[in-house]
Amino acid sequence: LARLRGHPGFREVRIDLEHRERMAALFAEERPER
């Protein structure tokens, strides 16, 4: 992860995939294209 943190275009989040509400909130907030 330290290799990624130096890039201005990187944002790190720590979530368990199985946490439905937090995953839904992540997609709603970030709106990734891919």
PDB file of all heavy atoms in Angstrom:
ATOM      1  N   LEU A   1       0.821  -1.216   0.000  1.00  0.00           N
ATOM      2  CA  LEU A   1       0.000   0.000   0.000  1.00  0.00           C
ATOM      3  C   LEU A   1       0.850   1.259   0.000  1.00  0.00           C
ATOM      4  O   LEU A   1       0.456   2.277  -0.586  1.00  0.00           O
ATOM      5  CB  LEU A   1      -0.933  -0.003   1.218  1.00  0.00           C
ATOM      6  CG  LEU A   1      -2.135  -0.942   1.138  1.00  0.00           C
ATOM      7  CD1 LEU A   1      -2.841  -1.016   2.484  1.00  0.00           C
ATOM      8  CD2 LEU A   1      -3.110  -0.502   0.047  1.00  0.00           C
ATOM      9  N   ALA A   2       2.021   1.192   0.628  1.00  0.00           N
ATOM     10  CA  ALA A   2       2.902   2.364   0.654  1.00  0.00           C
ATOM     11  C   ALA A   2       3.329   2.767  -0.752  1.00  0.00           C
ATOM     12  O   ALA A   2       3.627   3.942  -0.997  1.00  0.00           O
ATOM     13  CB  ALA A   2       4.130   2.058   1.520  1.00  0.00           C
ATOM     14  N   ARG A   3       3.351   1.812  -1.679  1.00  0.00           N
ATOM     15  CA  ARG A   3       3.706   2.138  -3.066  1.00  0.00           C
ATOM     16  C   ARG A   3       2.638   3.006  -3.721  1.00  0.00           C
ATOM     17  O   ARG A   3       2.917   3.722  -4.690  1.00  0.00           O
ATOM     18  CB  ARG A   3       3.886   0.853  -3.886  1.00  0.00           C
ATOM     19  CG  ARG A   3       4.924  -0.113  -3.347  1.00  0.00           C
ATOM     20  CD  ARG A   3       5.337  -1.103  -4.404  1.00  0.00           C
ATOM     21  NE  ARG A   3       4.251  -1.946  -4.870  1.00  0.00           N
ATOM     22  CZ  ARG A   3       4.307  -2.681  -5.993  1.00  0.00           C
ATOM     23  NH1 ARG A   3       5.386  -2.639  -6.770  1.00  0.00           N
ATOM     24  NH2 ARG A   3       3.291  -3.450  -6.344  1.00  0.00           N
ATOM     25  N   LEU A   4       1.415   2.932  -3.222  1.00  0.00           N
ATOM     26  CA  LEU A   4       0.306   3.670  -3.830  1.00  0.00           C
ATOM     27  C   LEU A   4       0.100   5.038  -3.196  1.00  0.00           C
ATOM     28  O   LEU A   4      -0.390   5.966  -3.847  1.00  0.00           O
ATOM     29  CB  LEU A   4      -0.995   2.868  -3.694  1.00  0.00           C
ATOM     30  CG  LEU A   4      -0.979   1.411  -4.181  1.00  0.00           C
ATOM     31  CD1 LEU A   4      -2.349   0.778  -3.963  1.00  0.00           C
ATOM     32  CD2 LEU A   4      -0.577   1.326  -5.646  1.00  0.00           C
ATOM     33  N   ARG A   5       0.459   5.165  -1.932  1.00  0.00           N
ATOM     34  CA  ARG A   5       0.095   6.367  -1.172  1.00  0.00           C
ATOM     35  C   ARG A   5       0.784   7.629  -1.657  1.00  0.00           C
ATOM     36  O   ARG A   5       0.325   8.736  -1.371  1.00  0.00           O
ATOM     37  CB  ARG A   5       0.386   6.132   0.311  1.00  0.00           C
ATOM     38  CG  ARG A   5      -0.547   5.101   0.938  1.00  0.00           C
ATOM     39  CD  ARG A   5      -0.215   4.854   2.380  1.00  0.00           C
ATOM     40  NE  ARG A   5      -1.074   3.820   2.960  1.00  0.00           N
ATOM     41  CZ  ARG A   5      -0.640   2.837   3.742  1.00  0.00           C
ATOM     42  NH1 ARG A   5       0.648   2.773   4.061  1.00  0.00           N
ATOM     43  NH2 ARG A   5      -1.478   1.956   4.224  1.00  0.00           N
ATOM     44  N   GLY A   6       1.880   7.484  -2.376  1.00  0.00           N
ATOM     45  CA  GLY A   6       2.557   8.672  -2.877  1.00  0.00           C
ATOM     46  C   GLY A   6       1.922   9.287  -4.104  1.00  0.00           C
ATOM     47  O   GLY A   6       2.341  10.357  -4.559  1.00  0.00           O
ATOM     48  N   HIS A   7       0.911   8.648  -4.652  1.00  0.00           N
ATOM     49  CA  HIS A   7       0.257   9.153  -5.869  1.00  0.00           C
ATOM     50  C   HIS A   7      -0.942  10.023  -5.502  1.00  0.00           C
ATOM     51  O   HIS A   7      -1.810   9.601  -4.728  1.00  0.00           O
ATOM     52  CB  HIS A   7      -0.193   7.986  -6.748  1.00  0.00           C
ATOM     53  CG  HIS A   7       0.940   7.240  -7.368  1.00  0.00           C
ATOM     54  ND1 HIS A   7       1.441   7.538  -8.617  1.00  0.00           N
ATOM     55  CD2 HIS A   7       1.690   6.213  -6.900  1.00  0.00           C
ATOM     56  CE1 HIS A   7       2.441   6.715  -8.896  1.00  0.00           C
ATOM     57  NE2 HIS A   7       2.610   5.899  -7.876  1.00  0.00           N
ATOM     58  N   PRO A   8      -1.036  11.221  -6.072  1.00  0.00           N
ATOM     59  CA  PRO A   8      -2.144  12.117  -5.713  1.00  0.00           C
ATOM     60  C   PRO A   8      -3.512  11.582  -6.115  1.00  0.00           C
ATOM     61  O   PRO A   8      -4.526  12.012  -5.554  1.00  0.00           O
ATOM     62  CB  PRO A   8      -1.802  13.412  -6.460  1.00  0.00           C
ATOM     63  CG  PRO A   8      -0.901  12.993  -7.583  1.00  0.00           C
ATOM     64  CD  PRO A   8      -0.107  11.830  -7.042  1.00  0.00           C
ATOM     65  N   GLY A   9      -3.566  10.673  -7.076  1.00  0.00           N
ATOM     66  CA  GLY A   9      -4.848  10.153  -7.525  1.00  0.00           C
ATOM     67  C   GLY A   9      -5.348   8.964  -6.735  1.00  0.00           C
ATOM     68  O   GLY A   9      -6.331   8.331  -7.118  1.00  0.00           O
ATOM     69  N   PHE A  10      -4.686   8.661  -5.590  1.00  0.00           N
ATOM     70  CA  PHE A  10      -5.052   7.465  -4.822  1.00  0.00           C
ATOM     71  C   PHE A  10      -5.797   7.831  -3.550  1.00  0.00           C
ATOM     72  O   PHE A  10      -5.408   8.733  -2.819  1.00  0.00           O
ATOM     73  CB  PHE A  10      -3.801   6.675  -4.453  1.00  0.00           C
ATOM     74  CG  PHE A  10      -4.074   5.439  -3.625  1.00  0.00           C
ATOM     75  CD1 PHE A  10      -4.798   4.387  -4.152  1.00  0.00           C
ATOM     76  CD2 PHE A  10      -3.623   5.361  -2.314  1.00  0.00           C
ATOM     77  CE1 PHE A  10      -5.058   3.256  -3.391  1.00  0.00           C
ATOM     78  CE2 PHE A  10      -3.871   4.235  -1.541  1.00  0.00           C
ATOM     79  CZ  PHE A  10      -4.589   3.174  -2.092  1.00  0.00           C
ATOM     80  N   ARG A  11      -6.884   7.106  -3.298  1.00  0.00           N
ATOM     81  CA  ARG A  11      -7.591   7.202  -2.024  1.00  0.00           C
ATOM     82  C   ARG A  11      -7.760   5.795  -1.473  1.00  0.00           C
ATOM     83  O   ARG A  11      -8.178   4.883  -2.194  1.00  0.00           O
ATOM     84  CB  ARG A  11      -8.954   7.855  -2.195  1.00  0.00           C
ATOM     85  CG  ARG A  11      -9.704   7.924  -0.853  1.00  0.00           C
ATOM     86  CD  ARG A  11     -11.058   8.580  -0.947  1.00  0.00           C
ATOM     87  NE  ARG A  11     -11.720   8.464   0.352  1.00  0.00           N
ATOM     88  CZ  ARG A  11     -12.960   8.022   0.515  1.00  0.00           C
ATOM     89  NH1 ARG A  11     -13.666   7.638  -0.514  1.00  0.00           N
ATOM     90  NH2 ARG A  11     -13.495   7.956   1.716  1.00  0.00           N
ATOM     91  N   GLU A  12      -7.433   5.611  -0.202  1.00  0.00           N
ATOM     92  CA  GLU A  12      -7.471   4.298   0.434  1.00  0.00           C
ATOM     93  C   GLU A  12      -8.690   4.180   1.333  1.00  0.00           C
ATOM     94  O   GLU A  12      -8.992   5.088   2.106  1.00  0.00           O
ATOM     95  CB  GLU A  12      -6.196   4.101   1.254  1.00  0.00           C
ATOM     96  CG  GLU A  12      -6.113   2.774   1.978  1.00  0.00           C
ATOM     97  CD  GLU A  12      -4.848   2.660   2.813  1.00  0.00           C
ATOM     98  OE1 GLU A  12      -3.942   3.508   2.650  1.00  0.00           O
ATOM     99  OE2 GLU A  12      -4.772   1.731   3.638  1.00  0.00           O
ATOM    100  N   VAL A  13      -9.397   3.033   1.223  1.00  0.00           N
ATOM    101  CA  VAL A  13     -10.504   2.744   2.133  1.00  0.00           C
ATOM    102  C   VAL A  13     -10.336   1.325   2.651  1.00  0.00           C
ATOM    103  O   VAL A  13      -9.857   0.446   1.932  1.00  0.00           O
ATOM    104  CB  VAL A  13     -11.886   2.903   1.453  1.00  0.00           C
ATOM    105  CG1 VAL A  13     -12.147   4.351   1.094  1.00  0.00           C
ATOM    106  CG2 VAL A  13     -12.006   2.020   0.215  1.00  0.00           C
ATOM    107  N   ARG A  14     -10.739   1.117   3.897  1.00  0.00           N
ATOM    108  CA  ARG A  14     -10.646  -0.211   4.508  1.00  0.00           C
ATOM    109  C   ARG A  14     -12.046  -0.663   4.913  1.00  0.00           C
ATOM    110  O   ARG A  14     -12.629  -0.134   5.860  1.00  0.00           O
ATOM    111  CB  ARG A  14      -9.696  -0.183   5.709  1.00  0.00           C
ATOM    112  CG  ARG A  14      -8.280   0.183   5.308  1.00  0.00           C
ATOM    113  CD  ARG A  14      -7.249  -0.213   6.330  1.00  0.00           C
ATOM    114  NE  ARG A  14      -5.920   0.148   5.858  1.00  0.00           N
ATOM    115  CZ  ARG A  14      -4.787  -0.223   6.445  1.00  0.00           C
ATOM    116  NH1 ARG A  14      -4.821  -0.995   7.531  1.00  0.00           N
ATOM    117  NH2 ARG A  14      -3.620   0.154   5.955  1.00  0.00           N
ATOM    118  N   ILE A  15     -12.542  -1.624   4.149  1.00  0.00           N
ATOM    119  CA  ILE A  15     -13.903  -2.126   4.340  1.00  0.00           C
ATOM    120  C   ILE A  15     -13.891  -3.630   4.114  1.00  0.00           C
ATOM    121  O   ILE A  15     -13.210  -4.131   3.220  1.00  0.00           O
ATOM    122  CB  ILE A  15     -14.897  -1.464   3.351  1.00  0.00           C
ATOM    123  CG1 ILE A  15     -14.945   0.053   3.548  1.00  0.00           C
ATOM    124  CG2 ILE A  15     -16.297  -2.048   3.503  1.00  0.00           C
ATOM    125  CD1 ILE A  15     -15.815   0.765   2.517  1.00  0.00           C
ATOM    126  N   ASP A  16     -14.656  -4.363   4.903  1.00  0.00           N
ATOM    127  CA  ASP A  16     -14.914  -5.769   4.616  1.00  0.00           C
ATOM    128  C   ASP A  16     -15.954  -5.855   3.506  1.00  0.00           C
ATOM    129  O   ASP A  16     -17.013  -5.217   3.591  1.00  0.00           O
ATOM    130  CB  ASP A  16     -15.447  -6.491   5.860  1.00  0.00           C
ATOM    131  CG  ASP A  16     -14.396  -6.651   6.942  1.00  0.00           C
ATOM    132  OD1 ASP A  16     -13.207  -6.771   6.589  1.00  0.00           O
ATOM    133  OD2 ASP A  16     -14.767  -6.645   8.131  1.00  0.00           O
ATOM    134  N   LEU A  17     -15.670  -6.646   2.488  1.00  0.00           N
ATOM    135  CA  LEU A  17     -16.599  -6.767   1.368  1.00  0.00           C
ATOM    136  C   LEU A  17     -17.998  -7.175   1.804  1.00  0.00           C
ATOM    137  O   LEU A  17     -18.996  -6.763   1.205  1.00  0.00           O
ATOM    138  CB  LEU A  17     -16.084  -7.820   0.376  1.00  0.00           C
ATOM    139  CG  LEU A  17     -14.846  -7.508  -0.444  1.00  0.00           C
ATOM    140  CD1 LEU A  17     -14.467  -8.728  -1.271  1.00  0.00           C
ATOM    141  CD2 LEU A  17     -15.065  -6.309  -1.349  1.00  0.00           C
ATOM    142  N   GLU A  18     -18.085  -7.997   2.847  1.00  0.00           N
ATOM    143  CA  GLU A  18     -19.390  -8.527   3.246  1.00  0.00           C
ATOM    144  C   GLU A  18     -20.234  -7.520   4.024  1.00  0.00           C
ATOM    145  O   GLU A  18     -21.393  -7.796   4.357  1.00  0.00           O
ATOM    146  CB  GLU A  18     -19.223  -9.814   4.061  1.00  0.00           C
ATOM    147  CG  GLU A  18     -18.373  -9.688   5.302  1.00  0.00           C
ATOM    148  CD  GLU A  18     -16.916 -10.039   5.056  1.00  0.00           C
ATOM    149  OE1 GLU A  18     -16.418  -9.800   3.942  1.00  0.00           O
ATOM    150  OE2 GLU A  18     -16.281 -10.555   5.996  1.00  0.00           O
ATOM    151  N   HIS A  19     -19.686  -6.327   4.325  1.00  0.00           N
ATOM    152  CA  HIS A  19     -20.422  -5.291   5.055  1.00  0.00           C
ATOM    153  C   HIS A  19     -21.299  -4.519   4.049  1.00  0.00           C
ATOM    154  O   HIS A  19     -20.863  -3.573   3.404  1.00  0.00           O
ATOM    155  CB  HIS A  19     -19.458  -4.348   5.764  1.00  0.00           C
ATOM    156  CG  HIS A  19     -20.093  -3.540   6.855  1.00  0.00           C
ATOM    157  ND1 HIS A  19     -21.117  -2.643   6.618  1.00  0.00           N
ATOM    158  CD2 HIS A  19     -19.865  -3.504   8.193  1.00  0.00           C
ATOM    159  CE1 HIS A  19     -21.480  -2.079   7.743  1.00  0.00           C
ATOM    160  NE2 HIS A  19     -20.740  -2.584   8.719  1.00  0.00           N
ATOM    161  N   ARG A  20     -22.546  -4.925   3.959  1.00  0.00           N
ATOM    162  CA  ARG A  20     -23.425  -4.432   2.893  1.00  0.00           C
ATOM    163  C   ARG A  20     -23.618  -2.924   2.932  1.00  0.00           C
ATOM    164  O   ARG A  20     -23.512  -2.247   1.901  1.00  0.00           O
ATOM    165  CB  ARG A  20     -24.783  -5.133   2.989  1.00  0.00           C
ATOM    166  CG  ARG A  20     -25.759  -4.741   1.889  1.00  0.00           C
ATOM    167  CD  ARG A  20     -27.054  -5.516   2.052  1.00  0.00           C
ATOM    168  NE  ARG A  20     -26.788  -6.947   2.065  1.00  0.00           N
ATOM    169  CZ  ARG A  20     -27.662  -7.856   2.542  1.00  0.00           C
ATOM    170  NH1 ARG A  20     -28.801  -7.467   3.059  1.00  0.00           N
ATOM    171  NH2 ARG A  20     -27.352  -9.129   2.490  1.00  0.00           N
ATOM    172  N   GLU A  21     -23.890  -2.383   4.101  1.00  0.00           N
ATOM    173  CA  GLU A  21     -24.192  -0.955   4.182  1.00  0.00           C
ATOM    174  C   GLU A  21     -22.972  -0.103   3.832  1.00  0.00           C
ATOM    175  O   GLU A  21     -23.085   0.905   3.121  1.00  0.00           O
ATOM    176  CB  GLU A  21     -24.700  -0.602   5.588  1.00  0.00           C
ATOM    177  CG  GLU A  21     -26.079  -1.153   5.930  1.00  0.00           C
ATOM    178  CD  GLU A  21     -26.058  -2.643   6.269  1.00  0.00           C
ATOM    179  OE1 GLU A  21     -24.938  -3.190   6.512  1.00  0.00           O
ATOM    180  OE2 GLU A  21     -27.130  -3.267   6.272  1.00  0.00           O
ATOM    181  N   ARG A  22     -21.805  -0.493   4.325  1.00  0.00           N
ATOM    182  CA  ARG A  22     -20.598   0.288   4.034  1.00  0.00           C
ATOM    183  C   ARG A  22     -20.215   0.181   2.563  1.00  0.00           C
ATOM    184  O   ARG A  22     -19.750   1.163   1.965  1.00  0.00           O
ATOM    185  CB  ARG A  22     -19.448  -0.173   4.923  1.00  0.00           C
ATOM    186  CG  ARG A  22     -19.638   0.154   6.402  1.00  0.00           C
ATOM    187  CD  ARG A  22     -18.370  -0.070   7.194  1.00  0.00           C
ATOM    188  NE  ARG A  22     -17.332   0.882   6.799  1.00  0.00           N
ATOM    189  CZ  ARG A  22     -16.059   0.796   7.174  1.00  0.00           C
ATOM    190  NH1 ARG A  22     -15.662  -0.214   7.939  1.00  0.00           N
ATOM    191  NH2 ARG A  22     -15.173   1.687   6.779  1.00  0.00           N
ATOM    192  N   MET A  23     -20.417  -0.977   1.966  1.00  0.00           N
ATOM    193  CA  MET A  23     -20.130  -1.123   0.536  1.00  0.00           C
ATOM    194  C   MET A  23     -21.084  -0.269  -0.291  1.00  0.00           C
ATOM    195  O   MET A  23     -20.675   0.395  -1.253  1.00  0.00           O
ATOM    196  CB  MET A  23     -20.226  -2.587   0.129  1.00  0.00           C
ATOM    197  CG  MET A  23     -19.093  -3.464   0.646  1.00  0.00           C
ATOM    198  SD  MET A  23     -17.490  -3.043  -0.091  1.00  0.00           S
ATOM    199  CE  MET A  23     -17.765  -3.590  -1.788  1.00  0.00           C
ATOM    200  N   ALA A  24     -22.352  -0.274   0.075  1.00  0.00           N
ATOM    201  CA  ALA A  24     -23.329   0.548  -0.656  1.00  0.00           C
ATOM    202  C   ALA A  24     -22.980   2.030  -0.540  1.00  0.00           C
ATOM    203  O   ALA A  24     -23.063   2.785  -1.521  1.00  0.00           O
ATOM    204  CB  ALA A  24     -24.739   0.279  -0.117  1.00  0.00           C
ATOM    205  N   ALA A  25     -22.567   2.448   0.659  1.00  0.00           N
ATOM    206  CA  ALA A  25     -22.204   3.851   0.857  1.00  0.00           C
ATOM    207  C   ALA A  25     -20.965   4.216   0.048  1.00  0.00           C
ATOM    208  O   ALA A  25     -20.874   5.334  -0.490  1.00  0.00           O
ATOM    209  CB  ALA A  25     -21.971   4.116   2.344  1.00  0.00           C
ATOM    210  N   LEU A  26     -20.011   3.300  -0.053  1.00  0.00           N
ATOM    211  CA  LEU A  26     -18.797   3.562  -0.835  1.00  0.00           C
ATOM    212  C   LEU A  26     -19.137   3.804  -2.300  1.00  0.00           C
ATOM    213  O   LEU A  26     -18.665   4.773  -2.908  1.00  0.00           O
ATOM    214  CB  LEU A  26     -17.831   2.386  -0.702  1.00  0.00           C
ATOM    215  CG  LEU A  26     -16.580   2.470  -1.581  1.00  0.00           C
ATOM    216  CD1 LEU A  26     -15.649   3.566  -1.097  1.00  0.00           C
ATOM    217  CD2 LEU A  26     -15.853   1.123  -1.609  1.00  0.00           C
ATOM    218  N   PHE A  27     -19.957   2.954  -2.876  1.00  0.00           N
ATOM    219  CA  PHE A  27     -20.322   3.121  -4.284  1.00  0.00           C
ATOM    220  C   PHE A  27     -21.124   4.401  -4.489  1.00  0.00           C
ATOM    221  O   PHE A  27     -20.939   5.103  -5.497  1.00  0.00           O
ATOM    222  CB  PHE A  27     -21.121   1.908  -4.769  1.00  0.00           C
ATOM    223  CG  PHE A  27     -20.272   0.765  -5.252  1.00  0.00           C
ATOM    224  CD1 PHE A  27     -19.883  -0.242  -4.388  1.00  0.00           C
ATOM    225  CD2 PHE A  27     -19.860   0.691  -6.572  1.00  0.00           C
ATOM    226  CE1 PHE A  27     -19.104  -1.304  -4.828  1.00  0.00           C
ATOM    227  CE2 PHE A  27     -19.075  -0.356  -7.032  1.00  0.00           C
ATOM    228  CZ  PHE A  27     -18.692  -1.362  -6.148  1.00  0.00           C
ATOM    229  N   ALA A  28     -22.000   4.715  -3.548  1.00  0.00           N
ATOM    230  CA  ALA A  28     -22.805   5.927  -3.682  1.00  0.00           C
ATOM    231  C   ALA A  28     -21.937   7.177  -3.607  1.00  0.00           C
ATOM    232  O   ALA A  28     -22.188   8.162  -4.314  1.00  0.00           O
ATOM    233  CB  ALA A  28     -23.874   5.960  -2.590  1.00  0.00           C
ATOM    234  N   GLU A  29     -20.911   7.148  -2.771  1.00  0.00           N
ATOM    235  CA  GLU A  29     -20.041   8.311  -2.603  1.00  0.00           C
ATOM    236  C   GLU A  29     -19.047   8.455  -3.740  1.00  0.00           C
ATOM    237  O   GLU A  29     -18.833   9.556  -4.266  1.00  0.00           O
ATOM    238  CB  GLU A  29     -19.277   8.194  -1.281  1.00  0.00           C
ATOM    239  CG  GLU A  29     -18.307   9.340  -1.033  1.00  0.00           C
ATOM    240  CD  GLU A  29     -17.530   9.173   0.259  1.00  0.00           C
ATOM    241  OE1 GLU A  29     -17.849   8.248   1.036  1.00  0.00           O
ATOM    242  OE2 GLU A  29     -16.589   9.962   0.490  1.00  0.00           O
ATOM    243  N   GLU A  30     -18.420   7.355  -4.149  1.00  0.00           N
ATOM    244  CA  GLU A  30     -17.323   7.420  -5.117  1.00  0.00           C
ATOM    245  C   GLU A  30     -17.791   7.393  -6.564  1.00  0.00           C
ATOM    246  O   GLU A  30     -17.118   7.933  -7.451  1.00  0.00           O
ATOM    247  CB  GLU A  30     -16.336   6.268  -4.876  1.00  0.00           C
ATOM    248  CG  GLU A  30     -15.654   6.311  -3.527  1.00  0.00           C
ATOM    249  CD  GLU A  30     -14.737   7.502  -3.365  1.00  0.00           C
ATOM    250  OE1 GLU A  30     -14.355   8.132  -4.384  1.00  0.00           O
ATOM    251  OE2 GLU A  30     -14.398   7.835  -2.213  1.00  0.00           O
ATOM    252  N   ARG A  31     -18.910   6.737  -6.843  1.00  0.00           N
ATOM    253  CA  ARG A  31     -19.441   6.622  -8.209  1.00  0.00           C
ATOM    254  C   ARG A  31     -18.339   6.232  -9.207  1.00  0.00           C
ATOM    255  O   ARG A  31     -18.075   6.948 -10.186  1.00  0.00           O
ATOM    256  CB  ARG A  31     -20.087   7.933  -8.668  1.00  0.00           C
ATOM    257  CG  ARG A  31     -21.094   8.520  -7.712  1.00  0.00           C
ATOM    258  CD  ARG A  31     -22.287   7.657  -7.474  1.00  0.00           C
ATOM    259  NE  ARG A  31     -23.102   7.468  -8.678  1.00  0.00           N
ATOM    260  CZ  ARG A  31     -24.275   6.821  -8.688  1.00  0.00           C
ATOM    261  NH1 ARG A  31     -24.744   6.291  -7.563  1.00  0.00           N
ATOM    262  NH2 ARG A  31     -24.947   6.683  -9.784  1.00  0.00           N
ATOM    263  N   PRO A  32     -17.666   5.099  -8.986  1.00  0.00           N
ATOM    264  CA  PRO A  32     -16.583   4.725  -9.906  1.00  0.00           C
ATOM    265  C   PRO A  32     -17.117   4.438 -11.308  1.00  0.00           C
ATOM    266  O   PRO A  32     -18.238   3.941 -11.477  1.00  0.00           O
ATOM    267  CB  PRO A  32     -16.023   3.445  -9.274  1.00  0.00           C
ATOM    268  CG  PRO A  32     -17.166   2.881  -8.495  1.00  0.00           C
ATOM    269  CD  PRO A  32     -17.918   4.065  -7.973  1.00  0.00           C
ATOM    270  N   GLU A  33     -16.299   4.783 -12.301  1.00  0.00           N
ATOM    271  CA  GLU A  33     -16.666   4.470 -13.685  1.00  0.00           C
ATOM    272  C   GLU A  33     -16.358   3.015 -14.024  1.00  0.00           C
ATOM    273  O   GLU A  33     -17.062   2.392 -14.822  1.00  0.00           O
ATOM    274  CB  GLU A  33     -15.900   5.383 -14.639  1.00  0.00           C
ATOM    275  CG  GLU A  33     -16.244   6.853 -14.469  1.00  0.00           C
ATOM    276  CD  GLU A  33     -15.292   7.738 -15.242  1.00  0.00           C
ATOM    277  OE1 GLU A  33     -14.220   8.079 -14.707  1.00  0.00           O
ATOM    278  OE2 GLU A  33     -15.635   8.086 -16.399  1.00  0.00           O
ATOM    279  N   ARG A  34     -15.256   2.507 -13.432  1.00  0.00           N
ATOM    280  CA  ARG A  34     -14.854   1.122 -13.685  1.00  0.00           C
ATOM    281  C   ARG A  34     -14.457   0.480 -12.360  1.00  0.00           C
ATOM    282  O   ARG A  34     -13.952   1.145 -11.458  1.00  0.00           O
ATOM    283  CB  ARG A  34     -13.677   1.071 -14.662  1.00  0.00           C
ATOM    284  CG  ARG A  34     -13.968   1.765 -15.981  1.00  0.00           C
ATOM    285  CD  ARG A  34     -12.847   1.610 -16.982  1.00  0.00           C
ATOM    286  NE  ARG A  34     -11.596   2.174 -16.509  1.00  0.00           N
ATOM    287  CZ  ARG A  34     -10.540   2.413 -17.294  1.00  0.00           C
ATOM    288  NH1 ARG A  34     -10.620   2.126 -18.582  1.00  0.00           N
ATOM    289  NH2 ARG A  34      -9.431   2.933 -16.799  1.00  0.00           N
TER     290      ARG A  34
END
